[in-house]
Amino acid sequence: MSGIIFKVDRKAIKEGEAVIIHWECQNPDSVSLKVDDGYQSAILQLADSGNREISITRSKGKTILTLRVVENGKLKKKEISIKVKKEKPQKARPADNTGRRRNGSCGKSCPLNNFFAKAKSDFGNFFCRMKSVWNYLPDKKKLAYIVLGLIIVVMILASISPKLLIFGLMAIALYLFWIIFKK
């Protein structure tokens, strides 16, 4: 395929890691990327060229990235296979002879230790999923979420001290000017 470049920074990763793709196309009608992890697939619309980080949170051994380019009404595809190793689960710490966990603050098996360990694991899973979702969002939606978050922070600060409202609004305006002039 002449005029189409499609490559990744590495072809073997562990689940939860990300690859960076690079693509270049000359005057395409449209460019999209299909990400198939063996469980489900997603299609992302892309610009004519660029780089993008793709987070792979789970896979059936490999994830297939397919660049789809439509030029003059004809579909052209380039495919790259990423080998994905499953992350090994961490083993629980063994108990000592007294039935207590090592380095634990409770005397016997403490329900708080289990609660905090589960909460930490759940938060890690949630954070990983949100990071994956964030990577698939279009740039305009990312910008909208960032500005919305800034507005909420300014509203909270203004409820604490109304004098902070002007500084918050100026910060949002400066951020938006930076985004406009950056591109």
N, C-alpha and C. Protein backbone atom coordinates (compact mmCIF):
# COMPACT_ATOMS: atom_id res chain seq x y z
N MET A 1 0.84 -1.18 0.00
CA MET A 1 0.00 0.00 0.00
C MET A 1 0.88 1.24 0.00
N SER A 2 0.86 1.94 -1.05
CA SER A 2 1.69 3.12 -1.12
C SER A 2 1.06 4.27 -0.36
N GLY A 3 1.90 5.03 0.31
CA GLY A 3 1.44 6.23 0.99
C GLY A 3 0.84 6.00 2.36
N ILE A 4 0.82 4.78 2.88
CA ILE A 4 0.25 4.52 4.20
C ILE A 4 1.34 3.93 5.09
N ILE A 5 1.58 4.59 6.22
CA ILE A 5 2.54 4.11 7.22
C ILE A 5 1.75 3.80 8.48
N PHE A 6 1.99 2.62 9.06
CA PHE A 6 1.31 2.22 10.29
C PHE A 6 2.28 1.38 11.10
N LYS A 7 2.63 1.83 12.32
CA LYS A 7 3.56 1.09 13.16
C LYS A 7 3.26 1.34 14.64
N VAL A 8 3.79 0.46 15.48
CA VAL A 8 3.64 0.57 16.93
C VAL A 8 5.01 0.59 17.58
N ASP A 9 5.07 1.12 18.82
CA ASP A 9 6.37 1.21 19.49
C ASP A 9 6.86 -0.14 20.01
N ARG A 10 5.93 -1.09 20.28
CA ARG A 10 6.33 -2.44 20.69
C ARG A 10 5.21 -3.42 20.38
N LYS A 11 5.58 -4.67 20.17
CA LYS A 11 4.60 -5.68 19.75
C LYS A 11 4.32 -6.73 20.81
N ALA A 12 4.86 -6.54 22.03
CA ALA A 12 4.59 -7.45 23.14
C ALA A 12 4.47 -6.62 24.41
N ILE A 13 3.35 -6.80 25.14
CA ILE A 13 3.10 -6.04 26.37
C ILE A 13 2.41 -6.95 27.38
N LYS A 14 2.25 -6.42 28.60
CA LYS A 14 1.44 -7.07 29.63
C LYS A 14 0.07 -6.39 29.65
N GLU A 15 -0.95 -7.13 30.10
CA GLU A 15 -2.28 -6.53 30.22
C GLU A 15 -2.21 -5.29 31.10
N GLY A 16 -2.93 -4.25 30.70
CA GLY A 16 -2.94 -3.00 31.45
C GLY A 16 -1.93 -1.98 30.93
N GLU A 17 -0.98 -2.43 30.12
CA GLU A 17 0.00 -1.50 29.55
C GLU A 17 -0.56 -0.91 28.25
N ALA A 18 0.16 0.03 27.69
CA ALA A 18 -0.30 0.71 26.49
C ALA A 18 0.78 0.64 25.41
N VAL A 19 0.33 0.73 24.16
CA VAL A 19 1.25 0.86 23.03
C VAL A 19 0.98 2.21 22.39
N ILE A 20 1.98 2.74 21.73
CA ILE A 20 1.82 4.00 21.01
C ILE A 20 1.84 3.67 19.52
N ILE A 21 0.77 4.05 18.85
CA ILE A 21 0.70 3.81 17.41
C ILE A 21 1.08 5.09 16.67
N HIS A 22 1.62 4.91 15.48
CA HIS A 22 1.96 6.02 14.60
C HIS A 22 1.42 5.68 13.22
N TRP A 23 0.74 6.63 12.60
CA TRP A 23 0.20 6.40 11.27
C TRP A 23 0.33 7.67 10.43
N GLU A 24 0.46 7.46 9.13
CA GLU A 24 0.52 8.56 8.17
C GLU A 24 -0.20 8.13 6.90
N CYS A 25 -1.08 8.98 6.39
CA CYS A 25 -1.82 8.71 5.16
C CYS A 25 -1.81 9.99 4.33
N GLN A 26 -1.77 9.84 3.02
CA GLN A 26 -1.77 10.99 2.13
C GLN A 26 -3.14 11.18 1.51
N ASN A 27 -3.81 12.27 1.87
CA ASN A 27 -5.11 12.67 1.33
C ASN A 27 -6.18 11.56 1.38
N PRO A 28 -6.43 10.98 2.54
CA PRO A 28 -7.47 9.95 2.61
C PRO A 28 -8.86 10.57 2.72
N ASP A 29 -9.87 9.80 2.34
CA ASP A 29 -11.25 10.22 2.56
C ASP A 29 -11.59 10.08 4.05
N SER A 30 -11.14 8.97 4.66
CA SER A 30 -11.33 8.76 6.10
C SER A 30 -10.29 7.77 6.60
N VAL A 31 -10.01 7.87 7.91
CA VAL A 31 -9.05 6.98 8.57
C VAL A 31 -9.68 6.52 9.88
N SER A 32 -9.64 5.22 10.13
CA SER A 32 -10.15 4.69 11.40
C SER A 32 -9.25 3.56 11.87
N LEU A 33 -9.37 3.27 13.15
CA LEU A 33 -8.58 2.20 13.76
C LEU A 33 -9.53 1.24 14.45
N LYS A 34 -9.42 -0.04 14.13
CA LYS A 34 -10.20 -1.07 14.81
C LYS A 34 -9.29 -1.75 15.82
N VAL A 35 -9.73 -1.79 17.08
CA VAL A 35 -8.99 -2.43 18.15
C VAL A 35 -9.80 -3.65 18.58
N ASP A 36 -9.24 -4.85 18.35
CA ASP A 36 -9.94 -6.10 18.69
C ASP A 36 -9.10 -6.87 19.69
N ASP A 37 -9.60 -6.98 20.94
CA ASP A 37 -8.85 -7.66 21.99
C ASP A 37 -9.26 -9.11 22.18
N GLY A 38 -10.13 -9.62 21.31
CA GLY A 38 -10.59 -11.00 21.43
C GLY A 38 -11.90 -11.12 22.17
N TYR A 39 -12.24 -10.12 22.98
CA TYR A 39 -13.51 -10.10 23.71
C TYR A 39 -14.50 -9.17 22.99
N GLN A 40 -14.00 -8.02 22.61
CA GLN A 40 -14.83 -7.03 21.93
C GLN A 40 -13.94 -6.20 21.02
N SER A 41 -14.55 -5.42 20.17
CA SER A 41 -13.77 -4.54 19.30
C SER A 41 -14.36 -3.14 19.35
N ALA A 42 -13.49 -2.18 19.07
CA ALA A 42 -13.90 -0.78 19.04
C ALA A 42 -13.29 -0.14 17.81
N ILE A 43 -13.99 0.82 17.25
CA ILE A 43 -13.48 1.54 16.08
C ILE A 43 -13.34 3.01 16.46
N LEU A 44 -12.14 3.54 16.24
CA LEU A 44 -11.83 4.93 16.55
C LEU A 44 -11.60 5.70 15.27
N GLN A 45 -12.16 6.89 15.16
CA GLN A 45 -11.90 7.75 14.01
C GLN A 45 -10.60 8.50 14.26
N LEU A 46 -9.75 8.59 13.25
CA LEU A 46 -8.43 9.20 13.39
C LEU A 46 -8.25 10.33 12.38
N ALA A 47 -7.26 11.17 12.65
CA ALA A 47 -6.86 12.21 11.71
C ALA A 47 -6.03 11.55 10.59
N ASP A 48 -5.61 12.34 9.60
CA ASP A 48 -4.83 11.81 8.48
C ASP A 48 -3.50 11.21 8.94
N SER A 49 -2.92 11.77 10.01
CA SER A 49 -1.67 11.23 10.54
C SER A 49 -1.55 11.65 12.00
N GLY A 50 -0.69 10.93 12.72
CA GLY A 50 -0.48 11.28 14.12
C GLY A 50 0.01 10.12 14.95
N ASN A 51 0.00 10.31 16.27
CA ASN A 51 0.38 9.31 17.25
C ASN A 51 -0.75 9.20 18.26
N ARG A 52 -0.93 8.03 18.82
CA ARG A 52 -1.98 7.84 19.83
C ARG A 52 -1.59 6.68 20.73
N GLU A 53 -1.87 6.84 22.03
CA GLU A 53 -1.62 5.78 22.98
C GLU A 53 -2.88 4.93 23.10
N ILE A 54 -2.72 3.62 22.96
CA ILE A 54 -3.82 2.68 23.07
C ILE A 54 -3.55 1.79 24.28
N SER A 55 -4.41 1.86 25.29
CA SER A 55 -4.27 1.06 26.49
C SER A 55 -5.00 -0.27 26.30
N ILE A 56 -4.33 -1.36 26.62
CA ILE A 56 -4.91 -2.69 26.45
C ILE A 56 -5.11 -3.28 27.83
N THR A 57 -6.37 -3.26 28.31
CA THR A 57 -6.66 -3.68 29.67
C THR A 57 -6.88 -5.17 29.79
N ARG A 58 -7.29 -5.82 28.72
CA ARG A 58 -7.46 -7.27 28.74
C ARG A 58 -7.37 -7.80 27.32
N SER A 59 -7.03 -9.08 27.19
CA SER A 59 -6.88 -9.63 25.86
C SER A 59 -6.85 -11.15 25.94
N LYS A 60 -7.25 -11.80 24.87
CA LYS A 60 -7.16 -13.26 24.78
C LYS A 60 -5.83 -13.65 24.14
N GLY A 61 -4.74 -13.15 24.68
CA GLY A 61 -3.43 -13.52 24.18
C GLY A 61 -2.86 -12.56 23.15
N LYS A 62 -3.73 -11.95 22.35
CA LYS A 62 -3.25 -10.95 21.40
C LYS A 62 -4.37 -9.97 21.10
N THR A 63 -3.96 -8.77 20.76
CA THR A 63 -4.88 -7.73 20.34
C THR A 63 -4.48 -7.32 18.93
N ILE A 64 -5.48 -7.21 18.06
CA ILE A 64 -5.20 -6.87 16.66
C ILE A 64 -5.64 -5.44 16.41
N LEU A 65 -4.70 -4.63 15.93
CA LEU A 65 -4.96 -3.24 15.56
C LEU A 65 -5.02 -3.18 14.04
N THR A 66 -6.14 -2.70 13.50
CA THR A 66 -6.31 -2.62 12.05
C THR A 66 -6.55 -1.17 11.66
N LEU A 67 -5.63 -0.62 10.87
CA LEU A 67 -5.80 0.72 10.33
C LEU A 67 -6.60 0.61 9.04
N ARG A 68 -7.73 1.32 8.99
CA ARG A 68 -8.60 1.29 7.81
C ARG A 68 -8.55 2.67 7.16
N VAL A 69 -8.13 2.70 5.92
CA VAL A 69 -8.01 3.95 5.18
C VAL A 69 -8.86 3.87 3.92
N VAL A 70 -9.72 4.86 3.74
CA VAL A 70 -10.52 4.94 2.51
C VAL A 70 -9.90 6.04 1.65
N GLU A 71 -9.43 5.63 0.47
CA GLU A 71 -8.84 6.57 -0.50
C GLU A 71 -9.59 6.42 -1.81
N ASN A 72 -10.17 7.49 -2.30
CA ASN A 72 -10.93 7.49 -3.55
C ASN A 72 -12.00 6.40 -3.56
N GLY A 73 -12.66 6.21 -2.42
CA GLY A 73 -13.73 5.24 -2.33
C GLY A 73 -13.28 3.79 -2.14
N LYS A 74 -11.97 3.53 -2.10
CA LYS A 74 -11.44 2.18 -1.93
C LYS A 74 -10.89 2.00 -0.52
N LEU A 75 -11.26 0.89 0.12
CA LEU A 75 -10.81 0.58 1.46
C LEU A 75 -9.46 -0.14 1.41
N LYS A 76 -8.51 0.38 2.18
CA LYS A 76 -7.20 -0.26 2.33
C LYS A 76 -6.99 -0.51 3.82
N LYS A 77 -6.39 -1.65 4.15
CA LYS A 77 -6.18 -2.02 5.55
C LYS A 77 -4.73 -2.39 5.79
N LYS A 78 -4.26 -2.05 6.98
CA LYS A 78 -2.97 -2.53 7.49
C LYS A 78 -3.23 -3.03 8.90
N GLU A 79 -2.65 -4.19 9.23
CA GLU A 79 -2.95 -4.85 10.49
C GLU A 79 -1.67 -5.13 11.25
N ILE A 80 -1.72 -4.91 12.58
CA ILE A 80 -0.59 -5.24 13.46
C ILE A 80 -1.14 -6.05 14.62
N SER A 81 -0.46 -7.13 14.96
CA SER A 81 -0.86 -7.98 16.07
C SER A 81 0.05 -7.70 17.27
N ILE A 82 -0.56 -7.45 18.42
CA ILE A 82 0.18 -7.19 19.65
C ILE A 82 0.02 -8.40 20.56
N LYS A 83 1.12 -9.00 20.98
CA LYS A 83 1.07 -10.13 21.91
C LYS A 83 0.87 -9.56 23.32
N VAL A 84 -0.15 -10.08 24.01
CA VAL A 84 -0.50 -9.55 25.34
C VAL A 84 -0.40 -10.67 26.37
N LYS A 85 0.48 -10.47 27.36
CA LYS A 85 0.64 -11.44 28.44
C LYS A 85 -0.27 -11.06 29.59
N LYS A 86 -0.91 -12.06 30.17
CA LYS A 86 -1.77 -11.80 31.34
C LYS A 86 -0.90 -11.44 32.53
N GLU A 87 -1.37 -10.47 33.30
CA GLU A 87 -0.69 -10.07 34.54
C GLU A 87 -0.97 -11.13 35.59
N LYS A 88 0.07 -11.66 36.21
CA LYS A 88 -0.11 -12.70 37.22
C LYS A 88 -0.67 -12.07 38.49
N PRO A 89 -1.69 -12.72 39.09
CA PRO A 89 -2.23 -12.17 40.34
C PRO A 89 -1.20 -12.25 41.46
N GLN A 90 -1.24 -11.25 42.34
CA GLN A 90 -0.30 -11.23 43.45
C GLN A 90 -0.77 -12.20 44.52
N LYS A 91 0.18 -12.89 45.14
CA LYS A 91 -0.14 -13.85 46.18
C LYS A 91 -0.38 -13.11 47.49
N ALA A 92 -1.32 -13.64 48.28
CA ALA A 92 -1.58 -13.07 49.61
C ALA A 92 -0.41 -13.39 50.52
N ARG A 93 -0.16 -12.50 51.47
CA ARG A 93 0.92 -12.74 52.43
C ARG A 93 0.52 -13.86 53.37
N PRO A 94 1.44 -14.78 53.65
CA PRO A 94 1.10 -15.89 54.55
C PRO A 94 0.99 -15.40 56.00
N ALA A 95 0.17 -16.10 56.77
CA ALA A 95 0.03 -15.79 58.19
C ALA A 95 1.16 -16.45 58.96
N ASP A 96 1.54 -15.85 60.09
CA ASP A 96 2.58 -16.48 60.90
C ASP A 96 1.93 -17.52 61.82
N ASN A 97 2.68 -18.11 62.72
CA ASN A 97 2.18 -19.21 63.55
C ASN A 97 1.05 -18.82 64.48
N THR A 98 0.93 -17.54 64.82
CA THR A 98 -0.11 -17.12 65.77
C THR A 98 -1.42 -16.83 65.06
N GLY A 99 -1.49 -16.96 63.75
CA GLY A 99 -2.73 -16.70 63.02
C GLY A 99 -2.88 -15.24 62.64
N ARG A 100 -1.90 -14.40 63.01
CA ARG A 100 -1.97 -12.99 62.66
C ARG A 100 -1.21 -12.74 61.36
N ARG A 101 -1.65 -11.73 60.64
CA ARG A 101 -0.92 -11.35 59.45
C ARG A 101 0.34 -10.61 59.87
N ARG A 102 1.38 -10.79 59.10
CA ARG A 102 2.62 -10.09 59.39
C ARG A 102 2.43 -8.61 59.14
N ASN A 103 3.04 -7.79 59.96
CA ASN A 103 3.00 -6.33 59.86
C ASN A 103 1.58 -5.78 59.95
N GLY A 104 0.63 -6.53 60.46
CA GLY A 104 -0.74 -6.06 60.57
C GLY A 104 -0.92 -5.26 61.84
N SER A 105 -1.88 -4.34 61.87
CA SER A 105 -2.09 -3.54 63.06
C SER A 105 -3.08 -4.22 64.00
N CYS A 106 -3.85 -5.18 63.50
CA CYS A 106 -4.82 -5.89 64.33
C CYS A 106 -4.18 -7.15 64.88
N GLY A 107 -4.72 -7.63 66.00
CA GLY A 107 -4.17 -8.82 66.62
C GLY A 107 -4.40 -10.06 65.77
N LYS A 108 -5.64 -10.39 65.46
CA LYS A 108 -5.96 -11.56 64.66
C LYS A 108 -6.30 -11.10 63.26
N SER A 109 -6.94 -11.95 62.49
CA SER A 109 -7.30 -11.51 61.14
C SER A 109 -8.30 -10.36 61.27
N CYS A 110 -7.93 -9.24 60.82
CA CYS A 110 -8.69 -8.00 61.01
C CYS A 110 -9.58 -7.73 59.80
N PRO A 111 -10.87 -7.51 60.00
CA PRO A 111 -11.75 -7.20 58.87
C PRO A 111 -11.35 -5.91 58.17
N LEU A 112 -10.73 -4.97 58.91
CA LEU A 112 -10.31 -3.72 58.28
C LEU A 112 -9.21 -3.95 57.25
N ASN A 113 -8.29 -4.89 57.53
CA ASN A 113 -7.25 -5.20 56.56
C ASN A 113 -7.86 -5.69 55.26
N ASN A 114 -8.86 -6.58 55.37
CA ASN A 114 -9.53 -7.09 54.17
C ASN A 114 -10.27 -5.97 53.45
N PHE A 115 -10.93 -5.11 54.20
CA PHE A 115 -11.68 -4.01 53.61
C PHE A 115 -10.76 -3.08 52.82
N PHE A 116 -9.63 -2.67 53.45
CA PHE A 116 -8.72 -1.75 52.78
C PHE A 116 -8.04 -2.39 51.58
N ALA A 117 -7.71 -3.67 51.68
CA ALA A 117 -7.09 -4.36 50.55
C ALA A 117 -8.07 -4.44 49.38
N LYS A 118 -9.33 -4.76 49.66
CA LYS A 118 -10.34 -4.83 48.60
C LYS A 118 -10.61 -3.45 48.01
N ALA A 119 -10.69 -2.43 48.88
CA ALA A 119 -10.93 -1.06 48.40
C ALA A 119 -9.78 -0.61 47.50
N LYS A 120 -8.55 -0.92 47.90
CA LYS A 120 -7.38 -0.55 47.09
C LYS A 120 -7.42 -1.25 45.74
N SER A 121 -7.76 -2.53 45.74
CA SER A 121 -7.86 -3.29 44.49
C SER A 121 -8.97 -2.75 43.59
N ASP A 122 -10.14 -2.49 44.19
CA ASP A 122 -11.26 -1.95 43.42
C ASP A 122 -10.94 -0.58 42.82
N PHE A 123 -10.27 0.27 43.61
CA PHE A 123 -9.89 1.59 43.10
C PHE A 123 -8.89 1.46 41.96
N GLY A 124 -7.93 0.53 42.10
CA GLY A 124 -6.96 0.32 41.02
C GLY A 124 -7.64 -0.15 39.74
N ASN A 125 -8.59 -1.08 39.86
CA ASN A 125 -9.33 -1.55 38.68
C ASN A 125 -10.14 -0.42 38.06
N PHE A 126 -10.82 0.37 38.90
CA PHE A 126 -11.62 1.49 38.41
C PHE A 126 -10.73 2.50 37.68
N PHE A 127 -9.58 2.84 38.28
CA PHE A 127 -8.67 3.80 37.68
C PHE A 127 -8.15 3.30 36.33
N CYS A 128 -7.83 2.02 36.25
CA CYS A 128 -7.33 1.42 35.01
C CYS A 128 -8.40 1.49 33.92
N ARG A 129 -9.65 1.17 34.28
CA ARG A 129 -10.74 1.23 33.31
C ARG A 129 -10.99 2.66 32.84
N MET A 130 -10.96 3.62 33.77
CA MET A 130 -11.19 5.03 33.40
C MET A 130 -10.07 5.53 32.49
N LYS A 131 -8.85 5.10 32.76
CA LYS A 131 -7.72 5.49 31.91
C LYS A 131 -7.93 4.94 30.49
N SER A 132 -8.40 3.71 30.40
CA SER A 132 -8.67 3.11 29.10
C SER A 132 -9.79 3.86 28.36
N VAL A 133 -10.86 4.18 29.08
CA VAL A 133 -11.97 4.93 28.47
C VAL A 133 -11.47 6.30 28.01
N TRP A 134 -10.65 6.97 28.83
CA TRP A 134 -10.13 8.30 28.49
C TRP A 134 -9.32 8.24 27.19
N ASN A 135 -8.54 7.17 27.00
CA ASN A 135 -7.72 7.05 25.79
C ASN A 135 -8.57 6.91 24.53
N TYR A 136 -9.78 6.36 24.66
CA TYR A 136 -10.65 6.17 23.50
C TYR A 136 -11.53 7.39 23.19
N LEU A 137 -11.58 8.37 24.11
CA LEU A 137 -12.43 9.55 23.88
C LEU A 137 -11.83 10.44 22.80
N PRO A 138 -12.68 11.05 21.97
CA PRO A 138 -12.17 12.04 21.01
C PRO A 138 -11.62 13.27 21.76
N ASP A 139 -10.71 13.98 21.12
CA ASP A 139 -10.07 15.13 21.76
C ASP A 139 -11.07 16.20 22.19
N LYS A 140 -12.12 16.42 21.41
CA LYS A 140 -13.11 17.44 21.78
C LYS A 140 -13.85 17.07 23.06
N LYS A 141 -14.16 15.79 23.24
CA LYS A 141 -14.83 15.37 24.47
C LYS A 141 -13.89 15.48 25.65
N LYS A 142 -12.60 15.16 25.46
CA LYS A 142 -11.64 15.30 26.54
C LYS A 142 -11.58 16.76 27.00
N LEU A 143 -11.52 17.67 26.03
CA LEU A 143 -11.48 19.10 26.36
C LEU A 143 -12.74 19.51 27.10
N ALA A 144 -13.90 19.02 26.66
CA ALA A 144 -15.16 19.36 27.33
C ALA A 144 -15.16 18.88 28.78
N TYR A 145 -14.67 17.65 29.03
CA TYR A 145 -14.62 17.13 30.40
C TYR A 145 -13.65 17.93 31.27
N ILE A 146 -12.52 18.33 30.70
CA ILE A 146 -11.55 19.11 31.46
C ILE A 146 -12.16 20.45 31.85
N VAL A 147 -12.78 21.14 30.89
CA VAL A 147 -13.38 22.45 31.17
C VAL A 147 -14.52 22.30 32.18
N LEU A 148 -15.34 21.26 32.04
CA LEU A 148 -16.41 21.02 33.00
C LEU A 148 -15.85 20.81 34.40
N GLY A 149 -14.79 20.05 34.51
CA GLY A 149 -14.16 19.84 35.81
C GLY A 149 -13.64 21.13 36.41
N LEU A 150 -13.01 21.98 35.57
CA LEU A 150 -12.53 23.27 36.05
C LEU A 150 -13.68 24.15 36.52
N ILE A 151 -14.79 24.14 35.80
CA ILE A 151 -15.94 24.95 36.21
C ILE A 151 -16.48 24.47 37.55
N ILE A 152 -16.54 23.17 37.76
CA ILE A 152 -17.02 22.63 39.04
C ILE A 152 -16.09 23.04 40.18
N VAL A 153 -14.78 22.97 39.94
CA VAL A 153 -13.82 23.40 40.97
C VAL A 153 -14.00 24.88 41.28
N VAL A 154 -14.18 25.71 40.27
CA VAL A 154 -14.39 27.15 40.48
C VAL A 154 -15.67 27.40 41.26
N MET A 155 -16.73 26.65 40.96
CA MET A 155 -17.98 26.82 41.69
C MET A 155 -17.81 26.45 43.17
N ILE A 156 -17.07 25.39 43.45
CA ILE A 156 -16.82 25.00 44.83
C ILE A 156 -16.01 26.07 45.55
N LEU A 157 -14.94 26.56 44.89
CA LEU A 157 -14.12 27.60 45.50
C LEU A 157 -14.93 28.89 45.71
N ALA A 158 -15.81 29.23 44.76
CA ALA A 158 -16.62 30.44 44.90
C ALA A 158 -17.62 30.30 46.03
N SER A 159 -18.08 29.09 46.31
CA SER A 159 -18.99 28.91 47.45
C SER A 159 -18.26 29.09 48.78
N ILE A 160 -16.96 28.80 48.80
CA ILE A 160 -16.16 29.00 50.01
C ILE A 160 -15.84 30.48 50.19
N SER A 161 -15.38 31.10 49.10
CA SER A 161 -15.04 32.53 49.14
C SER A 161 -15.40 33.14 47.79
N PRO A 162 -16.40 34.02 47.76
CA PRO A 162 -16.82 34.62 46.48
C PRO A 162 -15.70 35.36 45.76
N LYS A 163 -14.67 35.82 46.49
CA LYS A 163 -13.56 36.53 45.85
C LYS A 163 -12.75 35.62 44.93
N LEU A 164 -12.82 34.30 45.16
CA LEU A 164 -12.07 33.35 44.35
C LEU A 164 -12.71 33.12 42.98
N LEU A 165 -13.96 33.57 42.79
CA LEU A 165 -14.66 33.36 41.53
C LEU A 165 -13.92 34.01 40.37
N ILE A 166 -13.48 35.23 40.53
CA ILE A 166 -12.81 35.94 39.43
C ILE A 166 -11.50 35.25 39.06
N PHE A 167 -10.75 34.76 40.07
CA PHE A 167 -9.50 34.06 39.79
C PHE A 167 -9.75 32.72 39.08
N GLY A 168 -10.79 32.05 39.49
CA GLY A 168 -11.15 30.79 38.84
C GLY A 168 -11.56 30.98 37.40
N LEU A 169 -12.38 31.99 37.15
CA LEU A 169 -12.80 32.26 35.76
C LEU A 169 -11.62 32.68 34.89
N MET A 170 -10.70 33.45 35.47
CA MET A 170 -9.49 33.84 34.72
C MET A 170 -8.64 32.61 34.40
N ALA A 171 -8.55 31.68 35.33
CA ALA A 171 -7.77 30.46 35.10
C ALA A 171 -8.38 29.64 33.96
N ILE A 172 -9.71 29.53 33.94
CA ILE A 172 -10.37 28.80 32.86
C ILE A 172 -10.14 29.50 31.53
N ALA A 173 -10.27 30.83 31.51
CA ALA A 173 -10.05 31.59 30.27
C ALA A 173 -8.62 31.41 29.77
N LEU A 174 -7.64 31.49 30.68
CA LEU A 174 -6.24 31.30 30.28
C LEU A 174 -6.00 29.89 29.74
N TYR A 175 -6.61 28.90 30.36
CA TYR A 175 -6.47 27.53 29.88
C TYR A 175 -7.04 27.40 28.46
N LEU A 176 -8.21 27.97 28.23
CA LEU A 176 -8.82 27.89 26.90
C LEU A 176 -7.98 28.64 25.86
N PHE A 177 -7.43 29.81 26.23
CA PHE A 177 -6.54 30.52 25.29
C PHE A 177 -5.30 29.68 24.98
N TRP A 178 -4.77 29.01 26.00
CA TRP A 178 -3.61 28.16 25.78
C TRP A 178 -3.94 27.03 24.82
N ILE A 179 -5.11 26.41 24.96
CA ILE A 179 -5.54 25.34 24.07
C ILE A 179 -5.68 25.88 22.64
N ILE A 180 -6.30 27.04 22.50
CA ILE A 180 -6.53 27.62 21.17
C ILE A 180 -5.22 27.91 20.46
N PHE A 181 -4.29 28.54 21.16
CA PHE A 181 -3.05 28.94 20.52
C PHE A 181 -2.03 27.83 20.44
N LYS A 182 -2.21 26.76 21.21
CA LYS A 182 -1.31 25.61 21.15
C LYS A 182 -1.46 24.89 19.84
N LYS A 183 -2.68 24.81 19.31
CA LYS A 183 -2.94 24.04 18.10
C LYS A 183 -2.85 24.88 16.90
